[in-house]
């Protein structure tokens, strides 16, 4: 029975792996968009833009993804 349990766990891990990757890639998109906006507006590098997102994330005690998503939505609403 234990061998079957191990096989089941390995099978589930293999199936969930691509979904985790897809989720990670989808969560990365708003971060890249926010970095691009910050780079264009402030004429800074990608690393500097990411550092700004991280700084704001830490100050607000929120995930970088959430900060970036909110920022991108706010920028999209501007005239």
PDB file of N, CA and C in Angstrom:
ATOM      1  N   UNK A   1       0.813  -1.197   0.000  1.00  0.00           N
ATOM      2  CA  UNK A   1       0.000   0.000   0.000  1.00  0.00           C
ATOM      3  C   UNK A   1       0.860   1.267   0.000  1.00  0.00           C
ATOM      4  N   UNK A   2       1.976   1.248   0.700  1.00  0.00           N
ATOM      5  CA  UNK A   2       2.831   2.429   0.757  1.00  0.00           C
ATOM      6  C   UNK A   2       3.400   2.772  -0.619  1.00  0.00           C
ATOM      7  N   UNK A   3       3.761   1.773  -1.395  1.00  0.00           N
ATOM      8  CA  UNK A   3       4.268   2.051  -2.740  1.00  0.00           C
ATOM      9  C   UNK A   3       3.217   2.771  -3.572  1.00  0.00           C
ATOM     10  N   UNK A   4       1.976   2.351  -3.440  1.00  0.00           N
ATOM     11  CA  UNK A   4       0.901   3.020  -4.170  1.00  0.00           C
ATOM     12  C   UNK A   4       0.737   4.457  -3.704  1.00  0.00           C
ATOM     13  N   UNK A   5       0.885   4.672  -2.375  1.00  0.00           N
ATOM     14  CA  UNK A   5       0.793   6.035  -1.858  1.00  0.00           C
ATOM     15  C   UNK A   5       1.882   6.912  -2.458  1.00  0.00           C
ATOM     16  N   UNK A   6       3.094   6.375  -2.530  1.00  0.00           N
ATOM     17  CA  UNK A   6       4.207   7.131  -3.114  1.00  0.00           C
ATOM     18  C   UNK A   6       3.951   7.417  -4.582  1.00  0.00           C
ATOM     19  N   UNK A   7       3.449   6.424  -5.275  1.00  0.00           N
ATOM     20  CA  UNK A   7       3.164   6.610  -6.694  1.00  0.00           C
ATOM     21  C   UNK A   7       2.072   7.663  -6.868  1.00  0.00           C
ATOM     22  N   UNK A   8       1.056   7.624  -6.022  1.00  0.00           N
ATOM     23  CA  UNK A   8      -0.020   8.602  -6.126  1.00  0.00           C
ATOM     24  C   UNK A   8       0.497  10.005  -5.873  1.00  0.00           C
ATOM     25  N   UNK A   9       1.351  10.155  -4.868  1.00  0.00           N
ATOM     26  CA  UNK A   9       1.918  11.457  -4.557  1.00  0.00           C
ATOM     27  C   UNK A   9       2.756  11.971  -5.720  1.00  0.00           C
ATOM     28  N   UNK A  10       3.576  11.105  -6.283  1.00  0.00           N
ATOM     29  CA  UNK A  10       4.408  11.500  -7.424  1.00  0.00           C
ATOM     30  C   UNK A  10       3.535  11.898  -8.602  1.00  0.00           C
ATOM     31  N   UNK A  11       2.470  11.148  -8.828  1.00  0.00           N
ATOM     32  CA  UNK A  11       1.572  11.443  -9.938  1.00  0.00           C
ATOM     33  C   UNK A  11       0.895  12.799  -9.732  1.00  0.00           C
ATOM     34  N   UNK A  12       0.413  13.053  -8.526  1.00  0.00           N
ATOM     35  CA  UNK A  12      -0.248  14.325  -8.232  1.00  0.00           C
ATOM     36  C   UNK A  12       0.737  15.475  -8.389  1.00  0.00           C
ATOM     37  N   UNK A  13       1.950  15.303  -7.902  1.00  0.00           N
ATOM     38  CA  UNK A  13       2.967  16.343  -8.021  1.00  0.00           C
ATOM     39  C   UNK A  13       3.248  16.652  -9.482  1.00  0.00           C
ATOM     40  N   UNK A  14       3.347  15.611 -10.295  1.00  0.00           N
ATOM     41  CA  UNK A  14       3.602  15.811 -11.717  1.00  0.00           C
ATOM     42  C   UNK A  14       2.450  16.564 -12.376  1.00  0.00           C
ATOM     43  N   UNK A  15       1.240  16.245 -11.999  1.00  0.00           N
ATOM     44  CA  UNK A  15       0.083  16.904 -12.595  1.00  0.00           C
ATOM     45  C   UNK A  15      -0.001  18.359 -12.141  1.00  0.00           C
ATOM     46  N   UNK A  16       0.265  18.609 -10.855  1.00  0.00           N
ATOM     47  CA  UNK A  16       0.150  19.965 -10.331  1.00  0.00           C
ATOM     48  C   UNK A  16       1.296  20.863 -10.770  1.00  0.00           C
ATOM     49  N   UNK A  17       2.432  20.298 -11.124  1.00  0.00           N
ATOM     50  CA  UNK A  17       3.600  21.086 -11.502  1.00  0.00           C
ATOM     51  C   UNK A  17       3.328  22.108 -12.585  1.00  0.00           C
ATOM     52  N   UNK A  18       2.799  21.701 -13.737  1.00  0.00           N
ATOM     53  CA  UNK A  18       2.533  22.675 -14.805  1.00  0.00           C
ATOM     54  C   UNK A  18       1.517  23.741 -14.389  1.00  0.00           C
ATOM     55  N   UNK A  19       0.548  23.365 -13.567  1.00  0.00           N
ATOM     56  CA  UNK A  19      -0.429  24.352 -13.111  1.00  0.00           C
ATOM     57  C   UNK A  19       0.245  25.392 -12.232  1.00  0.00           C
ATOM     58  N   UNK A  20       1.163  24.948 -11.381  1.00  0.00           N
ATOM     59  CA  UNK A  20       1.900  25.889 -10.549  1.00  0.00           C
ATOM     60  C   UNK A  20       2.722  26.833 -11.417  1.00  0.00           C
ATOM     61  N   UNK A  21       3.329  26.308 -12.459  1.00  0.00           N
ATOM     62  CA  UNK A  21       4.123  27.127 -13.366  1.00  0.00           C
ATOM     63  C   UNK A  21       3.232  28.129 -14.086  1.00  0.00           C
ATOM     64  N   UNK A  22       2.095  27.670 -14.566  1.00  0.00           N
ATOM     65  CA  UNK A  22       1.159  28.571 -15.245  1.00  0.00           C
ATOM     66  C   UNK A  22       0.684  29.666 -14.298  1.00  0.00           C
ATOM     67  N   UNK A  23       0.382  29.290 -13.065  1.00  0.00           N
ATOM     68  CA  UNK A  23      -0.059  30.271 -12.074  1.00  0.00           C
ATOM     69  C   UNK A  23       1.045  31.285 -11.800  1.00  0.00           C
ATOM     70  N   UNK A  24       2.266  30.792 -11.659  1.00  0.00           N
ATOM     71  CA  UNK A  24       3.400  31.686 -11.398  1.00  0.00           C
ATOM     72  C   UNK A  24       3.605  32.654 -12.559  1.00  0.00           C
ATOM     73  N   UNK A  25       3.494  32.153 -13.776  1.00  0.00           N
ATOM     74  CA  UNK A  25       3.660  33.018 -14.948  1.00  0.00           C
ATOM     75  C   UNK A  25       2.534  34.047 -15.042  1.00  0.00           C
ATOM     76  N   UNK A  26       1.318  33.625 -14.735  1.00  0.00           N
ATOM     77  CA  UNK A  26       0.181  34.549 -14.777  1.00  0.00           C
ATOM     78  C   UNK A  26       0.318  35.629 -13.709  1.00  0.00           C
ATOM     79  N   UNK A  27       0.850  35.268 -12.557  1.00  0.00           N
ATOM     80  CA  UNK A  27       1.025  36.238 -11.479  1.00  0.00           C
ATOM     81  C   UNK A  27       2.176  37.191 -11.787  1.00  0.00           C
ATOM     82  N   UNK A  28       3.070  36.775 -12.653  1.00  0.00           N
ATOM     83  CA  UNK A  28       4.229  37.605 -12.988  1.00  0.00           C
ATOM     84  C   UNK A  28       3.865  38.731 -13.962  1.00  0.00           C
ATOM     85  N   UNK A  29       2.844  38.529 -14.779  1.00  0.00           N
ATOM     86  CA  UNK A  29       2.486  39.510 -15.810  1.00  0.00           C
ATOM     87  C   UNK A  29       2.222  40.908 -15.240  1.00  0.00           C
ATOM     88  N   UNK A  30       1.389  41.060 -14.207  1.00  0.00           N
ATOM     89  CA  UNK A  30       1.167  42.412 -13.682  1.00  0.00           C
ATOM     90  C   UNK A  30       2.434  43.035 -13.103  1.00  0.00           C
ATOM     91  N   UNK A  31       3.314  42.213 -12.564  1.00  0.00           N
ATOM     92  CA  UNK A  31       4.576  42.731 -12.028  1.00  0.00           C
ATOM     93  C   UNK A  31       5.410  43.302 -13.165  1.00  0.00           C
ATOM     94  N   UNK A  32       5.489  42.588 -14.270  1.00  0.00           N
ATOM     95  CA  UNK A  32       6.252  43.069 -15.427  1.00  0.00           C
ATOM     96  C   UNK A  32       5.614  44.327 -16.013  1.00  0.00           C
ATOM     97  N   UNK A  33       4.282  44.372 -16.054  1.00  0.00           N
ATOM     98  CA  UNK A  33       3.592  45.559 -16.562  1.00  0.00           C
ATOM     99  C   UNK A  33       3.865  46.767 -15.670  1.00  0.00           C
ATOM    100  N   UNK A  34       3.780  46.563 -14.363  1.00  0.00           N
ATOM    101  CA  UNK A  34       4.042  47.658 -13.424  1.00  0.00           C
ATOM    102  C   UNK A  34       5.483  48.132 -13.547  1.00  0.00           C
ATOM    103  N   UNK A  35       6.411  47.197 -13.687  1.00  0.00           N
ATOM    104  CA  UNK A  35       7.813  47.576 -13.874  1.00  0.00           C
ATOM    105  C   UNK A  35       7.968  48.418 -15.131  1.00  0.00           C
ATOM    106  N   UNK A  36       7.319  48.020 -16.208  1.00  0.00           N
ATOM    107  CA  UNK A  36       7.405  48.762 -17.463  1.00  0.00           C
ATOM    108  C   UNK A  36       6.880  50.177 -17.329  1.00  0.00           C
ATOM    109  N   UNK A  37       5.762  50.322 -16.639  1.00  0.00           N
ATOM    110  CA  UNK A  37       5.198  51.659 -16.422  1.00  0.00           C
ATOM    111  C   UNK A  37       6.158  52.510 -15.605  1.00  0.00           C
ATOM    112  N   UNK A  38       6.661  51.941 -14.506  1.00  0.00           N
ATOM    113  CA  UNK A  38       7.598  52.683 -13.652  1.00  0.00           C
ATOM    114  C   UNK A  38       8.861  53.068 -14.415  1.00  0.00           C
ATOM    115  N   UNK A  39       9.352  52.161 -15.249  1.00  0.00           N
ATOM    116  CA  UNK A  39      10.556  52.439 -16.037  1.00  0.00           C
ATOM    117  C   UNK A  39      10.316  53.603 -16.998  1.00  0.00           C
ATOM    118  N   UNK A  40       9.157  53.602 -17.645  1.00  0.00           N
ATOM    119  CA  UNK A  40       8.851  54.653 -18.617  1.00  0.00           C
ATOM    120  C   UNK A  40       8.630  56.004 -17.944  1.00  0.00           C
ATOM    121  N   UNK A  41       7.899  55.993 -16.857  1.00  0.00           N
ATOM    122  CA  UNK A  41       7.557  57.247 -16.181  1.00  0.00           C
ATOM    123  C   UNK A  41       8.760  57.855 -15.473  1.00  0.00           C
ATOM    124  N   UNK A  42       9.526  57.011 -14.794  1.00  0.00           N
ATOM    125  CA  UNK A  42      10.630  57.520 -13.966  1.00  0.00           C
ATOM    126  C   UNK A  42      12.013  57.378 -14.612  1.00  0.00           C
ATOM    127  N   UNK A  43      12.040  56.790 -15.815  1.00  0.00           N
ATOM    128  CA  UNK A  43      13.306  56.584 -16.530  1.00  0.00           C
ATOM    129  C   UNK A  43      14.327  55.863 -15.647  1.00  0.00           C
ATOM    130  N   UNK A  44      13.895  54.697 -15.143  1.00  0.00           N
ATOM    131  CA  UNK A  44      14.741  53.879 -14.278  1.00  0.00           C
ATOM    132  C   UNK A  44      14.896  52.493 -14.889  1.00  0.00           C
ATOM    133  N   UNK A  45      15.793  51.704 -14.326  1.00  0.00           N
ATOM    134  CA  UNK A  45      16.032  50.349 -14.823  1.00  0.00           C
ATOM    135  C   UNK A  45      14.963  49.392 -14.298  1.00  0.00           C
ATOM    136  N   UNK A  46      14.937  48.212 -14.875  1.00  0.00           N
ATOM    137  CA  UNK A  46      14.002  47.176 -14.430  1.00  0.00           C
ATOM    138  C   UNK A  46      14.253  46.804 -12.971  1.00  0.00           C
ATOM    139  N   UNK A  47      15.510  46.709 -12.592  1.00  0.00           N
ATOM    140  CA  UNK A  47      15.846  46.378 -11.203  1.00  0.00           C
ATOM    141  C   UNK A  47      15.378  47.466 -10.243  1.00  0.00           C
ATOM    142  N   UNK A  48      15.546  48.709 -10.638  1.00  0.00           N
ATOM    143  CA  UNK A  48      15.102  49.821  -9.789  1.00  0.00           C
ATOM    144  C   UNK A  48      13.578  49.839  -9.669  1.00  0.00           C
ATOM    145  N   UNK A  49      12.896  49.546 -10.764  1.00  0.00           N
ATOM    146  CA  UNK A  49      11.433  49.502 -10.744  1.00  0.00           C
ATOM    147  C   UNK A  49      10.949  48.382  -9.830  1.00  0.00           C
ATOM    148  N   UNK A  50      11.592  47.235  -9.925  1.00  0.00           N
ATOM    149  CA  UNK A  50      11.206  46.121  -9.065  1.00  0.00           C
ATOM    150  C   UNK A  50      11.477  46.460  -7.600  1.00  0.00           C
ATOM    151  N   UNK A  51      12.584  47.123  -7.341  1.00  0.00           N
ATOM    152  CA  UNK A  51      12.909  47.527  -5.965  1.00  0.00           C
ATOM    153  C   UNK A  51      11.830  48.453  -5.405  1.00  0.00           C
ATOM    154  N   UNK A  52      11.297  49.342  -6.242  1.00  0.00           N
ATOM    155  CA  UNK A  52      10.209  50.220  -5.795  1.00  0.00           C
ATOM    156  C   UNK A  52       8.962  49.415  -5.433  1.00  0.00           C
ATOM    157  N   UNK A  53       8.651  48.422  -6.261  1.00  0.00           N
ATOM    158  CA  UNK A  53       7.494  47.571  -5.973  1.00  0.00           C
ATOM    159  C   UNK A  53       7.694  46.796  -4.675  1.00  0.00           C
ATOM    160  N   UNK A  54       8.888  46.272  -4.486  1.00  0.00           N
ATOM    161  CA  UNK A  54       9.193  45.514  -3.269  1.00  0.00           C
ATOM    162  C   UNK A  54       9.103  46.420  -2.044  1.00  0.00           C
ATOM    163  N   UNK A  55       9.649  47.616  -2.167  1.00  0.00           N
ATOM    164  CA  UNK A  55       9.607  48.571  -1.050  1.00  0.00           C
ATOM    165  C   UNK A  55       8.166  48.880  -0.652  1.00  0.00           C
ATOM    166  N   UNK A  56       7.338  49.150  -1.639  1.00  0.00           N
ATOM    167  CA  UNK A  56       5.932  49.459  -1.354  1.00  0.00           C
ATOM    168  C   UNK A  56       5.214  48.234  -0.782  1.00  0.00           C
ATOM    169  N   UNK A  57       5.558  47.067  -1.297  1.00  0.00           N
ATOM    170  CA  UNK A  57       4.984  45.822  -0.803  1.00  0.00           C
ATOM    171  C   UNK A  57       5.302  45.619   0.673  1.00  0.00           C
ATOM    172  N   UNK A  58       6.536  45.861   1.035  1.00  0.00           N
ATOM    173  CA  UNK A  58       6.952  45.678   2.423  1.00  0.00           C
ATOM    174  C   UNK A  58       6.309  46.715   3.340  1.00  0.00           C
ATOM    175  N   UNK A  59       6.228  47.949   2.889  1.00  0.00           N
ATOM    176  CA  UNK A  59       5.600  49.000   3.698  1.00  0.00           C
ATOM    177  C   UNK A  59       4.124  48.705   3.954  1.00  0.00           C
ATOM    178  N   UNK A  60       3.455  48.190   2.932  1.00  0.00           N
ATOM    179  CA  UNK A  60       2.022  47.905   3.035  1.00  0.00           C
ATOM    180  C   UNK A  60       1.747  46.505   3.588  1.00  0.00           C
ATOM    181  N   UNK A  61       2.798  45.718   3.742  1.00  0.00           N
ATOM    182  CA  UNK A  61       2.667  44.327   4.192  1.00  0.00           C
ATOM    183  C   UNK A  61       1.710  43.550   3.282  1.00  0.00           C
ATOM    184  N   UNK A  62       1.937  43.725   1.977  1.00  0.00           N
ATOM    185  CA  UNK A  62       1.138  43.045   0.958  1.00  0.00           C
ATOM    186  C   UNK A  62       2.076  42.418  -0.052  1.00  0.00           C
ATOM    187  N   UNK A  63       1.567  41.469  -0.812  1.00  0.00           N
ATOM    188  CA  UNK A  63       2.379  40.791  -1.820  1.00  0.00           C
ATOM    189  C   UNK A  63       2.689  41.735  -2.976  1.00  0.00           C
ATOM    190  N   UNK A  64       3.871  41.546  -3.548  1.00  0.00           N
ATOM    191  CA  UNK A  64       4.295  42.364  -4.689  1.00  0.00           C
ATOM    192  C   UNK A  64       3.272  42.250  -5.812  1.00  0.00           C
ATOM    193  N   UNK A  65       2.780  41.049  -6.054  1.00  0.00           N
ATOM    194  CA  UNK A  65       1.787  40.833  -7.107  1.00  0.00           C
ATOM    195  C   UNK A  65       0.564  41.720  -6.892  1.00  0.00           C
ATOM    196  N   UNK A  66       0.074  41.786  -5.662  1.00  0.00           N
ATOM    197  CA  UNK A  66      -1.115  42.586  -5.370  1.00  0.00           C
ATOM    198  C   UNK A  66      -0.854  44.077  -5.558  1.00  0.00           C
ATOM    199  N   UNK A  67       0.311  44.522  -5.120  1.00  0.00           N
ATOM    200  CA  UNK A  67       0.694  45.930  -5.299  1.00  0.00           C
ATOM    201  C   UNK A  67       0.771  46.257  -6.788  1.00  0.00           C
ATOM    202  N   UNK A  68       1.415  45.383  -7.550  1.00  0.00           N
ATOM    203  CA  UNK A  68       1.582  45.607  -8.991  1.00  0.00           C
ATOM    204  C   UNK A  68       0.237  45.613  -9.707  1.00  0.00           C
ATOM    205  N   UNK A  69      -0.618  44.672  -9.371  1.00  0.00           N
ATOM    206  CA  UNK A  69      -1.932  44.578 -10.010  1.00  0.00           C
ATOM    207  C   UNK A  69      -2.757  45.835  -9.742  1.00  0.00           C
ATOM    208  N   UNK A  70      -2.751  46.287  -8.508  1.00  0.00           N
ATOM    209  CA  UNK A  70      -3.474  47.509  -8.150  1.00  0.00           C
ATOM    210  C   UNK A  70      -2.908  48.719  -8.899  1.00  0.00           C
ATOM    211  N   UNK A  71      -1.594  48.805  -8.972  1.00  0.00           N
ATOM    212  CA  UNK A  71      -0.932  49.913  -9.663  1.00  0.00           C
ATOM    213  C   UNK A  71      -1.294  49.932 -11.147  1.00  0.00           C
ATOM    214  N   UNK A  72      -1.242  48.782 -11.787  1.00  0.00           N
ATOM    215  CA  UNK A  72      -1.567  48.689 -13.215  1.00  0.00           C
ATOM    216  C   UNK A  72      -3.023  49.094 -13.446  1.00  0.00           C
ATOM    217  N   UNK A  73      -3.921  48.639 -12.584  1.00  0.00           N
ATOM    218  CA  UNK A  73      -5.335  49.015 -12.734  1.00  0.00           C
ATOM    219  C   UNK A  73      -5.533  50.514 -12.543  1.00  0.00           C
ATOM    220  N   UNK A  74      -4.844  51.086 -11.571  1.00  0.00           N
ATOM    221  CA  UNK A  74      -4.947  52.535 -11.354  1.00  0.00           C
ATOM    222  C   UNK A  74      -4.432  53.305 -12.564  1.00  0.00           C
ATOM    223  N   UNK A  75      -3.337  52.864 -13.128  1.00  0.00           N
ATOM    224  CA  UNK A  75      -2.764  53.541 -14.296  1.00  0.00           C
ATOM    225  C   UNK A  75      -3.674  53.403 -15.510  1.00  0.00           C
ATOM    226  N   UNK A  76      -4.359  52.285 -15.621  1.00  0.00           N
ATOM    227  CA  UNK A  76      -5.258  52.062 -16.752  1.00  0.00           C
ATOM    228  C   UNK A  76      -6.471  52.986 -16.692  1.00  0.00           C
ATOM    229  N   UNK A  77      -6.822  53.435 -15.494  1.00  0.00           N
ATOM    230  CA  UNK A  77      -7.987  54.303 -15.326  1.00  0.00           C
ATOM    231  C   UNK A  77      -7.678  55.770 -15.584  1.00  0.00           C
ATOM    232  N   UNK A  78      -6.412  56.128 -15.644  1.00  0.00           N
ATOM    233  CA  UNK A  78      -6.049  57.528 -15.883  1.00  0.00           C
ATOM    234  C   UNK A  78      -6.411  57.938 -17.304  1.00  0.00           C
ATOM    235  N   UNK A  79      -6.798  59.217 -17.485  1.00  0.00           N
ATOM    236  CA  UNK A  79      -7.158  59.680 -18.839  1.00  0.00           C
ATOM    237  C   UNK A  79      -5.961  59.777 -19.754  1.00  0.00           C
TER     238      UNK A  79
END
